[in-house]
Amino acid sequence: MKKIIDFVNESKGQPIDDQWINDEKPVMTKDGRQAIIKKVNMDEVPNVLVGEVKWKDKLLEYEWLDDGTCQKALDMLGNPKKPDNSDRLVKAI
Protein backbone atom coordinates (compact mmCIF):
# COMPACT_ATOMS: atom_id res chain seq x y z
CA MET A 1 0.00 0.00 0.00
CA LYS A 2 1.31 3.43 -0.93
CA LYS A 3 1.84 6.16 1.58
CA ILE A 4 0.69 9.73 0.99
CA ILE A 5 4.26 10.82 0.29
CA ASP A 6 4.43 8.36 -2.65
CA PHE A 7 1.43 10.01 -4.27
CA VAL A 8 2.91 13.47 -3.76
CA ASN A 9 6.17 12.39 -5.41
CA GLU A 10 4.31 11.03 -8.46
CA SER A 11 2.98 14.27 -9.84
CA LYS A 12 1.91 15.10 -13.37
CA GLY A 13 4.64 16.23 -15.72
CA GLN A 14 7.69 14.85 -13.92
CA PRO A 15 10.39 13.20 -16.06
CA ILE A 16 9.93 9.49 -16.70
CA ASP A 17 12.34 6.81 -15.52
CA ASP A 18 12.90 3.13 -16.33
CA GLN A 19 10.83 1.95 -13.36
CA TRP A 20 7.85 4.05 -14.50
CA ILE A 21 8.01 2.44 -17.95
CA ASN A 22 8.52 -1.09 -16.59
CA ASP A 23 5.46 -0.70 -14.32
CA GLU A 24 3.43 0.40 -17.40
CA LYS A 25 2.22 3.54 -15.67
CA PRO A 26 0.51 6.28 -17.73
CA VAL A 27 2.56 8.74 -19.75
CA MET A 28 1.83 11.84 -21.80
CA THR A 29 3.69 14.43 -23.83
CA LYS A 30 4.89 17.53 -22.03
CA ASP A 31 2.12 19.59 -23.64
CA GLY A 32 -0.57 17.22 -22.27
CA ARG A 33 -1.37 14.87 -25.17
CA GLN A 34 -2.06 11.25 -24.19
CA ALA A 35 0.67 8.77 -25.12
CA ILE A 36 0.84 4.99 -25.22
CA ILE A 37 4.09 3.04 -25.18
CA LYS A 38 3.76 -0.01 -27.42
CA LYS A 39 7.31 -1.35 -27.36
CA VAL A 40 10.66 -0.79 -25.66
CA ASN A 41 13.57 -1.50 -28.01
CA MET A 42 16.40 -2.63 -25.73
CA ASP A 43 18.70 -3.52 -28.64
CA GLU A 44 19.79 0.11 -28.90
CA VAL A 45 21.63 2.20 -26.32
CA PRO A 46 19.96 4.31 -25.03
CA ASN A 47 16.75 2.29 -25.20
CA VAL A 48 14.13 3.51 -27.66
CA LEU A 49 10.47 3.71 -26.65
CA VAL A 50 8.07 3.23 -29.56
CA GLY A 51 4.54 4.44 -29.08
CA GLU A 52 1.61 6.51 -30.20
CA VAL A 53 0.34 9.95 -29.29
CA LYS A 54 -3.32 10.90 -29.51
CA TRP A 55 -3.85 14.08 -31.50
CA LYS A 56 -7.58 14.91 -31.59
CA ASP A 57 -9.05 11.71 -33.12
CA LYS A 58 -5.81 10.29 -34.61
CA LEU A 59 -3.03 8.12 -33.19
CA LEU A 60 0.38 9.20 -34.49
CA GLU A 61 3.56 7.13 -34.17
CA TYR A 62 6.36 8.60 -32.04
CA GLU A 63 9.74 7.43 -30.74
CA TRP A 64 11.47 8.58 -27.56
CA LEU A 65 14.78 7.85 -25.89
CA ASP A 66 14.54 6.28 -22.43
CA ASP A 67 15.00 9.68 -20.78
CA GLY A 68 11.83 10.98 -22.48
CA THR A 69 13.52 12.96 -25.27
CA CYS A 70 11.54 12.69 -28.51
CA GLN A 71 13.51 11.57 -31.56
CA LYS A 72 10.69 10.96 -34.07
CA ALA A 73 7.48 12.97 -34.24
CA LEU A 74 4.61 13.57 -36.65
CA ASP A 75 2.34 16.56 -37.18
CA MET A 76 -1.48 16.51 -37.27
CA LEU A 77 -1.50 15.29 -40.86
CA GLY A 78 0.95 12.46 -40.22
CA ASN A 79 3.94 14.18 -41.83
CA PRO A 80 7.38 14.05 -40.14
CA LYS A 81 8.25 17.10 -38.05
CA LYS A 82 11.23 18.18 -36.01
CA PRO A 83 10.63 17.08 -32.40
CA ASP A 84 10.59 19.85 -29.82
CA ASN A 85 10.32 20.11 -26.04
CA SER A 86 6.50 19.78 -26.13
CA ASP A 87 6.91 16.25 -27.56
CA ARG A 88 8.95 15.12 -24.53
CA LEU A 89 7.52 12.09 -22.64
CA VAL A 90 6.57 12.71 -18.97
CA LYS A 91 4.56 11.05 -16.19
CA ALA A 92 0.78 11.42 -16.47
CA ILE A 93 -0.08 11.02 -12.77
PDB file of N, CA and C in Angstrom:
ATOM      1  N   MET A   1       0.842  -1.176   0.000  1.00  0.00           N
ATOM      2  CA  MET A   1       0.000   0.000   0.000  1.00  0.00           C
ATOM      3  C   MET A   1       0.885   1.236   0.000  1.00  0.00           C
ATOM      4  N   LYS A   2       0.512   2.215  -0.820  1.00  0.00           N
ATOM      5  CA  LYS A   2       1.311   3.426  -0.929  1.00  0.00           C
ATOM      6  C   LYS A   2       0.998   4.398   0.194  1.00  0.00           C
ATOM      7  N   LYS A   3       2.021   5.108   0.592  1.00  0.00           N
ATOM      8  CA  LYS A   3       1.844   6.164   1.583  1.00  0.00           C
ATOM      9  C   LYS A   3       1.535   7.467   0.858  1.00  0.00           C
ATOM     10  N   ILE A   4       1.048   8.438   1.577  1.00  0.00           N
ATOM     11  CA  ILE A   4       0.692   9.731   0.988  1.00  0.00           C
ATOM     12  C   ILE A   4       1.887  10.388   0.317  1.00  0.00           C
ATOM     13  N   ILE A   5       3.074  10.211   0.870  1.00  0.00           N
ATOM     14  CA  ILE A   5       4.263  10.823   0.289  1.00  0.00           C
ATOM     15  C   ILE A   5       4.564  10.249  -1.095  1.00  0.00           C
ATOM     16  N   ASP A   6       4.228   8.968  -1.332  1.00  0.00           N
ATOM     17  CA  ASP A   6       4.434   8.356  -2.646  1.00  0.00           C
ATOM     18  C   ASP A   6       3.552   9.017  -3.695  1.00  0.00           C
ATOM     19  N   PHE A   7       2.318   9.348  -3.338  1.00  0.00           N
ATOM     20  CA  PHE A   7       1.427  10.009  -4.274  1.00  0.00           C
ATOM     21  C   PHE A   7       1.880  11.438  -4.555  1.00  0.00           C
ATOM     22  N   VAL A   8       2.415  12.108  -3.576  1.00  0.00           N
ATOM     23  CA  VAL A   8       2.906  13.471  -3.764  1.00  0.00           C
ATOM     24  C   VAL A   8       4.107  13.469  -4.703  1.00  0.00           C
ATOM     25  N   ASN A   9       4.979  12.474  -4.567  1.00  0.00           N
ATOM     26  CA  ASN A   9       6.165  12.390  -5.407  1.00  0.00           C
ATOM     27  C   ASN A   9       5.849  12.031  -6.852  1.00  0.00           C
ATOM     28  N   GLU A  10       4.709  11.393  -7.110  1.00  0.00           N
ATOM     29  CA  GLU A  10       4.309  11.027  -8.457  1.00  0.00           C
ATOM     30  C   GLU A  10       3.352  12.078  -9.000  1.00  0.00           C
ATOM     31  N   SER A  11       3.866  13.223  -9.350  1.00  0.00           N
ATOM     32  CA  SER A  11       2.976  14.273  -9.837  1.00  0.00           C
ATOM     33  C   SER A  11       3.076  14.419 -11.345  1.00  0.00           C
ATOM     34  N   LYS A  12       2.054  14.949 -11.928  1.00  0.00           N
ATOM     35  CA  LYS A  12       1.911  15.098 -13.368  1.00  0.00           C
ATOM     36  C   LYS A  12       3.043  15.953 -13.945  1.00  0.00           C
ATOM     37  N   GLY A  13       3.637  15.464 -15.014  1.00  0.00           N
ATOM     38  CA  GLY A  13       4.641  16.232 -15.718  1.00  0.00           C
ATOM     39  C   GLY A  13       6.075  15.993 -15.304  1.00  0.00           C
ATOM     40  N   GLN A  14       6.313  15.130 -14.319  1.00  0.00           N
ATOM     41  CA  GLN A  14       7.687  14.846 -13.918  1.00  0.00           C
ATOM     42  C   GLN A  14       8.356  13.976 -14.974  1.00  0.00           C
ATOM     43  N   PRO A  15       9.680  14.036 -15.089  1.00  0.00           N
ATOM     44  CA  PRO A  15      10.390  13.200 -16.062  1.00  0.00           C
ATOM     45  C   PRO A  15      10.166  11.710 -15.790  1.00  0.00           C
ATOM     46  N   ILE A  16      10.106  10.931 -16.859  1.00  0.00           N
ATOM     47  CA  ILE A  16       9.932   9.490 -16.696  1.00  0.00           C
ATOM     48  C   ILE A  16      11.252   8.834 -16.304  1.00  0.00           C
ATOM     49  N   ASP A  17      11.159   7.615 -15.809  1.00  0.00           N
ATOM     50  CA  ASP A  17      12.343   6.813 -15.517  1.00  0.00           C
ATOM     51  C   ASP A  17      12.040   5.374 -15.927  1.00  0.00           C
ATOM     52  N   ASP A  18      13.064   4.517 -15.892  1.00  0.00           N
ATOM     53  CA  ASP A  18      12.897   3.130 -16.328  1.00  0.00           C
ATOM     54  C   ASP A  18      11.852   2.394 -15.505  1.00  0.00           C
ATOM     55  N   GLN A  19      11.798   2.634 -14.211  1.00  0.00           N
ATOM     56  CA  GLN A  19      10.826   1.945 -13.356  1.00  0.00           C
ATOM     57  C   GLN A  19       9.397   2.319 -13.750  1.00  0.00           C
ATOM     58  N   TRP A  20       9.170   3.570 -14.088  1.00  0.00           N
ATOM     59  CA  TRP A  20       7.847   4.049 -14.495  1.00  0.00           C
ATOM     60  C   TRP A  20       7.401   3.293 -15.755  1.00  0.00           C
ATOM     61  N   ILE A  21       8.321   3.142 -16.709  1.00  0.00           N
ATOM     62  CA  ILE A  21       8.011   2.444 -17.953  1.00  0.00           C
ATOM     63  C   ILE A  21       7.792   0.950 -17.693  1.00  0.00           C
ATOM     64  N   ASN A  22       8.648   0.345 -16.889  1.00  0.00           N
ATOM     65  CA  ASN A  22       8.523  -1.091 -16.589  1.00  0.00           C
ATOM     66  C   ASN A  22       7.218  -1.414 -15.873  1.00  0.00           C
ATOM     67  N   ASP A  23       6.728  -0.502 -15.041  1.00  0.00           N
ATOM     68  CA  ASP A  23       5.464  -0.701 -14.325  1.00  0.00           C
ATOM     69  C   ASP A  23       4.247  -0.385 -15.192  1.00  0.00           C
ATOM     70  N   GLU A  24       4.494   0.053 -16.447  1.00  0.00           N
ATOM     71  CA  GLU A  24       3.431   0.399 -17.397  1.00  0.00           C
ATOM     72  C   GLU A  24       2.470   1.445 -16.849  1.00  0.00           C
ATOM     73  N   LYS A  25       3.036   2.442 -16.195  1.00  0.00           N
ATOM     74  CA  LYS A  25       2.217   3.537 -15.672  1.00  0.00           C
ATOM     75  C   LYS A  25       1.932   4.535 -16.799  1.00  0.00           C
ATOM     76  N   PRO A  26       0.905   5.369 -16.651  1.00  0.00           N
ATOM     77  CA  PRO A  26       0.506   6.277 -17.729  1.00  0.00           C
ATOM     78  C   PRO A  26       1.533   7.367 -18.003  1.00  0.00           C
ATOM     79  N   VAL A  27       1.646   7.695 -19.300  1.00  0.00           N
ATOM     80  CA  VAL A  27       2.555   8.738 -19.751  1.00  0.00           C
ATOM     81  C   VAL A  27       1.808   9.692 -20.682  1.00  0.00           C
ATOM     82  N   MET A  28       2.404  10.844 -20.892  1.00  0.00           N
ATOM     83  CA  MET A  28       1.834  11.844 -21.797  1.00  0.00           C
ATOM     84  C   MET A  28       2.981  12.683 -22.344  1.00  0.00           C
ATOM     85  N   THR A  29       2.688  13.491 -23.354  1.00  0.00           N
ATOM     86  CA  THR A  29       3.692  14.430 -23.826  1.00  0.00           C
ATOM     87  C   THR A  29       3.706  15.625 -22.883  1.00  0.00           C
ATOM     88  N   LYS A  30       4.760  16.393 -22.942  1.00  0.00           N
ATOM     89  CA  LYS A  30       4.889  17.526 -22.025  1.00  0.00           C
ATOM     90  C   LYS A  30       3.765  18.543 -22.194  1.00  0.00           C
ATOM     91  N   ASP A  31       3.211  18.647 -23.414  1.00  0.00           N
ATOM     92  CA  ASP A  31       2.121  19.595 -23.639  1.00  0.00           C
ATOM     93  C   ASP A  31       0.742  19.001 -23.333  1.00  0.00           C
ATOM     94  N   GLY A  32       0.687  17.762 -22.767  1.00  0.00           N
ATOM     95  CA  GLY A  32      -0.566  17.219 -22.268  1.00  0.00           C
ATOM     96  C   GLY A  32      -1.274  16.218 -23.156  1.00  0.00           C
ATOM     97  N   ARG A  33      -0.727  15.862 -24.306  1.00  0.00           N
ATOM     98  CA  ARG A  33      -1.370  14.868 -25.166  1.00  0.00           C
ATOM     99  C   ARG A  33      -1.153  13.463 -24.605  1.00  0.00           C
ATOM    100  N   GLN A  34      -2.160  12.619 -24.690  1.00  0.00           N
ATOM    101  CA  GLN A  34      -2.064  11.247 -24.195  1.00  0.00           C
ATOM    102  C   GLN A  34      -1.082  10.466 -25.055  1.00  0.00           C
ATOM    103  N   ALA A  35      -0.286   9.606 -24.405  1.00  0.00           N
ATOM    104  CA  ALA A  35       0.673   8.772 -25.122  1.00  0.00           C
ATOM    105  C   ALA A  35       0.569   7.342 -24.634  1.00  0.00           C
ATOM    106  N   ILE A  36       0.859   6.412 -25.529  1.00  0.00           N
ATOM    107  CA  ILE A  36       0.836   4.993 -25.216  1.00  0.00           C
ATOM    108  C   ILE A  36       2.173   4.420 -25.676  1.00  0.00           C
ATOM    109  N   ILE A  37       2.848   3.701 -24.802  1.00  0.00           N
ATOM    110  CA  ILE A  37       4.095   3.042 -25.183  1.00  0.00           C
ATOM    111  C   ILE A  37       3.755   1.624 -25.610  1.00  0.00           C
ATOM    112  N   LYS A  38       4.072   1.305 -26.879  1.00  0.00           N
ATOM    113  CA  LYS A  38       3.764  -0.007 -27.417  1.00  0.00           C
ATOM    114  C   LYS A  38       4.924  -0.981 -27.275  1.00  0.00           C
ATOM    115  N   LYS A  39       6.154  -0.460 -27.356  1.00  0.00           N
ATOM    116  CA  LYS A  39       7.309  -1.348 -27.355  1.00  0.00           C
ATOM    117  C   LYS A  39       8.528  -0.606 -26.826  1.00  0.00           C
ATOM    118  N   VAL A  40       9.387  -1.330 -26.121  1.00  0.00           N
ATOM    119  CA  VAL A  40      10.665  -0.785 -25.664  1.00  0.00           C
ATOM    120  C   VAL A  40      11.756  -1.554 -26.402  1.00  0.00           C
ATOM    121  N   ASN A  41      12.505  -0.872 -27.243  1.00  0.00           N
ATOM    122  CA  ASN A  41      13.572  -1.495 -28.009  1.00  0.00           C
ATOM    123  C   ASN A  41      14.849  -1.441 -27.189  1.00  0.00           C
ATOM    124  N   MET A  42      15.218  -2.575 -26.589  1.00  0.00           N
ATOM    125  CA  MET A  42      16.400  -2.627 -25.733  1.00  0.00           C
ATOM    126  C   MET A  42      17.656  -3.006 -26.504  1.00  0.00           C
ATOM    127  N   ASP A  43      17.542  -3.197 -27.820  1.00  0.00           N
ATOM    128  CA  ASP A  43      18.702  -3.519 -28.638  1.00  0.00           C
ATOM    129  C   ASP A  43      19.602  -2.308 -28.843  1.00  0.00           C
ATOM    130  N   GLU A  44      19.035  -1.126 -28.706  1.00  0.00           N
ATOM    131  CA  GLU A  44      19.789   0.110 -28.898  1.00  0.00           C
ATOM    132  C   GLU A  44      20.137   0.723 -27.551  1.00  0.00           C
ATOM    133  N   VAL A  45      21.237   1.474 -27.534  1.00  0.00           N
ATOM    134  CA  VAL A  45      21.634   2.198 -26.321  1.00  0.00           C
ATOM    135  C   VAL A  45      21.725   3.664 -26.689  1.00  0.00           C
ATOM    136  N   PRO A  46      20.979   4.561 -26.055  1.00  0.00           N
ATOM    137  CA  PRO A  46      19.963   4.311 -25.028  1.00  0.00           C
ATOM    138  C   PRO A  46      18.733   3.623 -25.621  1.00  0.00           C
ATOM    139  N   ASN A  47      17.950   2.993 -24.754  1.00  0.00           N
ATOM    140  CA  ASN A  47      16.747   2.288 -25.198  1.00  0.00           C
ATOM    141  C   ASN A  47      15.809   3.243 -25.920  1.00  0.00           C
ATOM    142  N   VAL A  48      15.078   2.707 -26.896  1.00  0.00           N
ATOM    143  CA  VAL A  48      14.127   3.511 -27.664  1.00  0.00           C
ATOM    144  C   VAL A  48      12.721   3.045 -27.323  1.00  0.00           C
ATOM    145  N   LEU A  49      11.866   4.002 -26.965  1.00  0.00           N
ATOM    146  CA  LEU A  49      10.466   3.715 -26.652  1.00  0.00           C
ATOM    147  C   LEU A  49       9.641   4.028 -27.898  1.00  0.00           C
ATOM    148  N   VAL A  50       8.909   3.054 -28.381  1.00  0.00           N
ATOM    149  CA  VAL A  50       8.070   3.228 -29.561  1.00  0.00           C
ATOM    150  C   VAL A  50       6.631   3.293 -29.080  1.00  0.00           C
ATOM    151  N   GLY A  51       5.908   4.302 -29.538  1.00  0.00           N
ATOM    152  CA  GLY A  51       4.535   4.437 -29.077  1.00  0.00           C
ATOM    153  C   GLY A  51       3.702   5.317 -29.975  1.00  0.00           C
ATOM    154  N   GLU A  52       2.546   5.672 -29.466  1.00  0.00           N
ATOM    155  CA  GLU A  52       1.609   6.512 -30.198  1.00  0.00           C
ATOM    156  C   GLU A  52       1.142   7.659 -29.315  1.00  0.00           C
ATOM    157  N   VAL A  53       0.856   8.772 -29.967  1.00  0.00           N
ATOM    158  CA  VAL A  53       0.337   9.953 -29.290  1.00  0.00           C
ATOM    159  C   VAL A  53      -1.020  10.282 -29.900  1.00  0.00           C
ATOM    160  N   LYS A  54      -1.979  10.553 -29.034  1.00  0.00           N
ATOM    161  CA  LYS A  54      -3.321  10.900 -29.508  1.00  0.00           C
ATOM    162  C   LYS A  54      -3.361  12.389 -29.824  1.00  0.00           C
ATOM    163  N   TRP A  55      -3.707  12.699 -31.069  1.00  0.00           N
ATOM    164  CA  TRP A  55      -3.845  14.081 -31.498  1.00  0.00           C
ATOM    165  C   TRP A  55      -5.253  14.216 -32.055  1.00  0.00           C
ATOM    166  N   LYS A  56      -6.149  14.815 -31.308  1.00  0.00           N
ATOM    167  CA  LYS A  56      -7.581  14.907 -31.594  1.00  0.00           C
ATOM    168  C   LYS A  56      -8.141  13.503 -31.752  1.00  0.00           C
ATOM    169  N   ASP A  57      -8.486  13.056 -32.966  1.00  0.00           N
ATOM    170  CA  ASP A  57      -9.047  11.714 -33.121  1.00  0.00           C
ATOM    171  C   ASP A  57      -8.084  10.746 -33.806  1.00  0.00           C
ATOM    172  N   LYS A  58      -6.809  11.135 -33.947  1.00  0.00           N
ATOM    173  CA  LYS A  58      -5.814  10.294 -34.615  1.00  0.00           C
ATOM    174  C   LYS A  58      -4.769   9.799 -33.629  1.00  0.00           C
ATOM    175  N   LEU A  59      -4.181   8.631 -33.928  1.00  0.00           N
ATOM    176  CA  LEU A  59      -3.032   8.123 -33.190  1.00  0.00           C
ATOM    177  C   LEU A  59      -1.825   8.219 -34.109  1.00  0.00           C
ATOM    178  N   LEU A  60      -0.819   8.971 -33.682  1.00  0.00           N
ATOM    179  CA  LEU A  60       0.385   9.199 -34.485  1.00  0.00           C
ATOM    180  C   LEU A  60       1.568   8.489 -33.856  1.00  0.00           C
ATOM    181  N   GLU A  61       2.415   7.872 -34.674  1.00  0.00           N
ATOM    182  CA  GLU A  61       3.564   7.126 -34.170  1.00  0.00           C
ATOM    183  C   GLU A  61       4.692   8.071 -33.768  1.00  0.00           C
ATOM    184  N   TYR A  62       5.248   7.815 -32.597  1.00  0.00           N
ATOM    185  CA  TYR A  62       6.357   8.599 -32.045  1.00  0.00           C
ATOM    186  C   TYR A  62       7.432   7.652 -31.531  1.00  0.00           C
ATOM    187  N   GLU A  63       8.653   8.163 -31.384  1.00  0.00           N
ATOM    188  CA  GLU A  63       9.741   7.431 -30.743  1.00  0.00           C
ATOM    189  C   GLU A  63      10.444   8.366 -29.766  1.00  0.00           C
ATOM    190  N   TRP A  64      10.773   7.816 -28.590  1.00  0.00           N
ATOM    191  CA  TRP A  64      11.468   8.576 -27.557  1.00  0.00           C
ATOM    192  C   TRP A  64      12.687   7.797 -27.090  1.00  0.00           C
ATOM    193  N   LEU A  65      13.679   8.499 -26.587  1.00  0.00           N
ATOM    194  CA  LEU A  65      14.781   7.850 -25.893  1.00  0.00           C
ATOM    195  C   LEU A  65      14.308   7.546 -24.485  1.00  0.00           C
ATOM    196  N   ASP A  66      15.023   6.693 -23.748  1.00  0.00           N
ATOM    197  CA  ASP A  66      14.537   6.278 -22.430  1.00  0.00           C
ATOM    198  C   ASP A  66      14.524   7.390 -21.389  1.00  0.00           C
ATOM    199  N   ASP A  67      15.101   8.548 -21.700  1.00  0.00           N
ATOM    200  CA  ASP A  67      15.003   9.682 -20.778  1.00  0.00           C
ATOM    201  C   ASP A  67      13.813  10.587 -21.100  1.00  0.00           C
ATOM    202  N   GLY A  68      13.015  10.220 -22.118  1.00  0.00           N
ATOM    203  CA  GLY A  68      11.825  10.975 -22.485  1.00  0.00           C
ATOM    204  C   GLY A  68      12.014  11.917 -23.657  1.00  0.00           C
ATOM    205  N   THR A  69      13.242  12.076 -24.148  1.00  0.00           N
ATOM    206  CA  THR A  69      13.516  12.964 -25.275  1.00  0.00           C
ATOM    207  C   THR A  69      12.937  12.367 -26.550  1.00  0.00           C
ATOM    208  N   CYS A  70      12.170  13.160 -27.279  1.00  0.00           N
ATOM    209  CA  CYS A  70      11.545  12.685 -28.511  1.00  0.00           C
ATOM    210  C   CYS A  70      12.567  12.695 -29.638  1.00  0.00           C
ATOM    211  N   GLN A  71      12.603  11.599 -30.418  1.00  0.00           N
ATOM    212  CA  GLN A  71      13.512  11.566 -31.557  1.00  0.00           C
ATOM    213  C   GLN A  71      12.776  11.412 -32.882  1.00  0.00           C
ATOM    214  N   LYS A  72      11.495  11.032 -32.851  1.00  0.00           N
ATOM    215  CA  LYS A  72      10.686  10.956 -34.072  1.00  0.00           C
ATOM    216  C   LYS A  72       9.287  11.437 -33.733  1.00  0.00           C
ATOM    217  N   ALA A  73       8.804  12.417 -34.491  1.00  0.00           N
ATOM    218  CA  ALA A  73       7.479  12.973 -34.239  1.00  0.00           C
ATOM    219  C   ALA A  73       6.766  13.223 -35.563  1.00  0.00           C
ATOM    220  N   LEU A  74       5.437  13.280 -35.487  1.00  0.00           N
ATOM    221  CA  LEU A  74       4.609  13.565 -36.648  1.00  0.00           C
ATOM    222  C   LEU A  74       3.691  14.735 -36.334  1.00  0.00           C
ATOM    223  N   ASP A  75       3.292  15.463 -37.388  1.00  0.00           N
ATOM    224  CA  ASP A  75       2.340  16.559 -37.183  1.00  0.00           C
ATOM    225  C   ASP A  75       0.911  16.021 -37.299  1.00  0.00           C
ATOM    226  N   MET A  76      -0.075  16.906 -37.242  1.00  0.00           N
ATOM    227  CA  MET A  76      -1.483  16.505 -37.267  1.00  0.00           C
ATOM    228  C   MET A  76      -1.861  15.706 -38.511  1.00  0.00           C
ATOM    229  N   LEU A  77      -1.178  15.966 -39.615  1.00  0.00           N
ATOM    230  CA  LEU A  77      -1.498  15.289 -40.864  1.00  0.00           C
ATOM    231  C   LEU A  77      -0.722  13.995 -41.064  1.00  0.00           C
ATOM    232  N   GLY A  78       0.168  13.673 -40.121  1.00  0.00           N
ATOM    233  CA  GLY A  78       0.954  12.459 -40.223  1.00  0.00           C
ATOM    234  C   GLY A  78       2.280  12.642 -40.938  1.00  0.00           C
ATOM    235  N   ASN A  79       2.665  13.889 -41.180  1.00  0.00           N
ATOM    236  CA  ASN A  79       3.941  14.178 -41.826  1.00  0.00           C
ATOM    237  C   ASN A  79       5.038  14.310 -40.775  1.00  0.00           C
ATOM    238  N   PRO A  80       6.276  13.899 -41.100  1.00  0.00           N
ATOM    239  CA  PRO A  80       7.375  14.047 -40.140  1.00  0.00           C
ATOM    240  C   PRO A  80       7.603  15.509 -39.768  1.00  0.00           C
ATOM    241  N   LYS A  81       7.925  15.750 -38.509  1.00  0.00           N
ATOM    242  CA  LYS A  81       8.253  17.097 -38.055  1.00  0.00           C
ATOM    243  C   LYS A  81       9.440  17.025 -37.112  1.00  0.00           C
ATOM    244  N   LYS A  82      10.094  18.134 -36.933  1.00  0.00           N
ATOM    245  CA  LYS A  82      11.229  18.180 -36.009  1.00  0.00           C
ATOM    246  C   LYS A  82      10.680  18.138 -34.577  1.00  0.00           C
ATOM    247  N   PRO A  83      11.112  17.148 -33.785  1.00  0.00           N
ATOM    248  CA  PRO A  83      10.630  17.076 -32.399  1.00  0.00           C
ATOM    249  C   PRO A  83      11.094  18.279 -31.586  1.00  0.00           C
ATOM    250  N   ASP A  84      10.218  18.751 -30.701  1.00  0.00           N
ATOM    251  CA  ASP A  84      10.593  19.853 -29.819  1.00  0.00           C
ATOM    252  C   ASP A  84      10.299  19.464 -28.368  1.00  0.00           C
ATOM    253  N   ASN A  85      10.473  20.388 -27.464  1.00  0.00           N
ATOM    254  CA  ASN A  85      10.319  20.109 -26.040  1.00  0.00           C
ATOM    255  C   ASN A  85       8.887  19.688 -25.677  1.00  0.00           C
ATOM    256  N   SER A  86       7.893  20.156 -26.432  1.00  0.00           N
ATOM    257  CA  SER A  86       6.503  19.784 -26.126  1.00  0.00           C
ATOM    258  C   SER A  86       6.221  18.322 -26.436  1.00  0.00           C
ATOM    259  N   ASP A  87       7.068  17.663 -27.234  1.00  0.00           N
ATOM    260  CA  ASP A  87       6.912  16.245 -27.564  1.00  0.00           C
ATOM    261  C   ASP A  87       7.577  15.325 -26.543  1.00  0.00           C
ATOM    262  N   ARG A  88       8.226  15.893 -25.553  1.00  0.00           N
ATOM    263  CA  ARG A  88       8.947  15.117 -24.529  1.00  0.00           C
ATOM    264  C   ARG A  88       7.956  14.249 -23.746  1.00  0.00           C
ATOM    265  N   LEU A  89       8.370  13.029 -23.376  1.00  0.00           N
ATOM    266  CA  LEU A  89       7.519  12.088 -22.640  1.00  0.00           C
ATOM    267  C   LEU A  89       7.686  12.314 -21.139  1.00  0.00           C
ATOM    268  N   VAL A  90       6.558  12.473 -20.423  1.00  0.00           N
ATOM    269  CA  VAL A  90       6.573  12.715 -18.975  1.00  0.00           C
ATOM    270  C   VAL A  90       5.518  11.848 -18.300  1.00  0.00           C
ATOM    271  N   LYS A  91       5.538  11.803 -16.976  1.00  0.00           N
ATOM    272  CA  LYS A  91       4.556  11.050 -16.188  1.00  0.00           C
ATOM    273  C   LYS A  91       3.190  11.713 -16.293  1.00  0.00           C
ATOM    274  N   ALA A  92       2.134  10.888 -16.337  1.00  0.00           N
ATOM    275  CA  ALA A  92       0.783  11.419 -16.469  1.00  0.00           C
ATOM    276  C   ALA A  92      -0.002  11.385 -15.168  1.00  0.00           C
ATOM    277  N   ILE A  93       0.615  11.032 -14.058  1.00  0.00           N
ATOM    278  CA  ILE A  93      -0.081  11.016 -12.769  1.00  0.00           C
ATOM    279  C   ILE A  93       0.528  12.091 -11.894  1.00  0.00           C
TER     280      ILE A  93
END
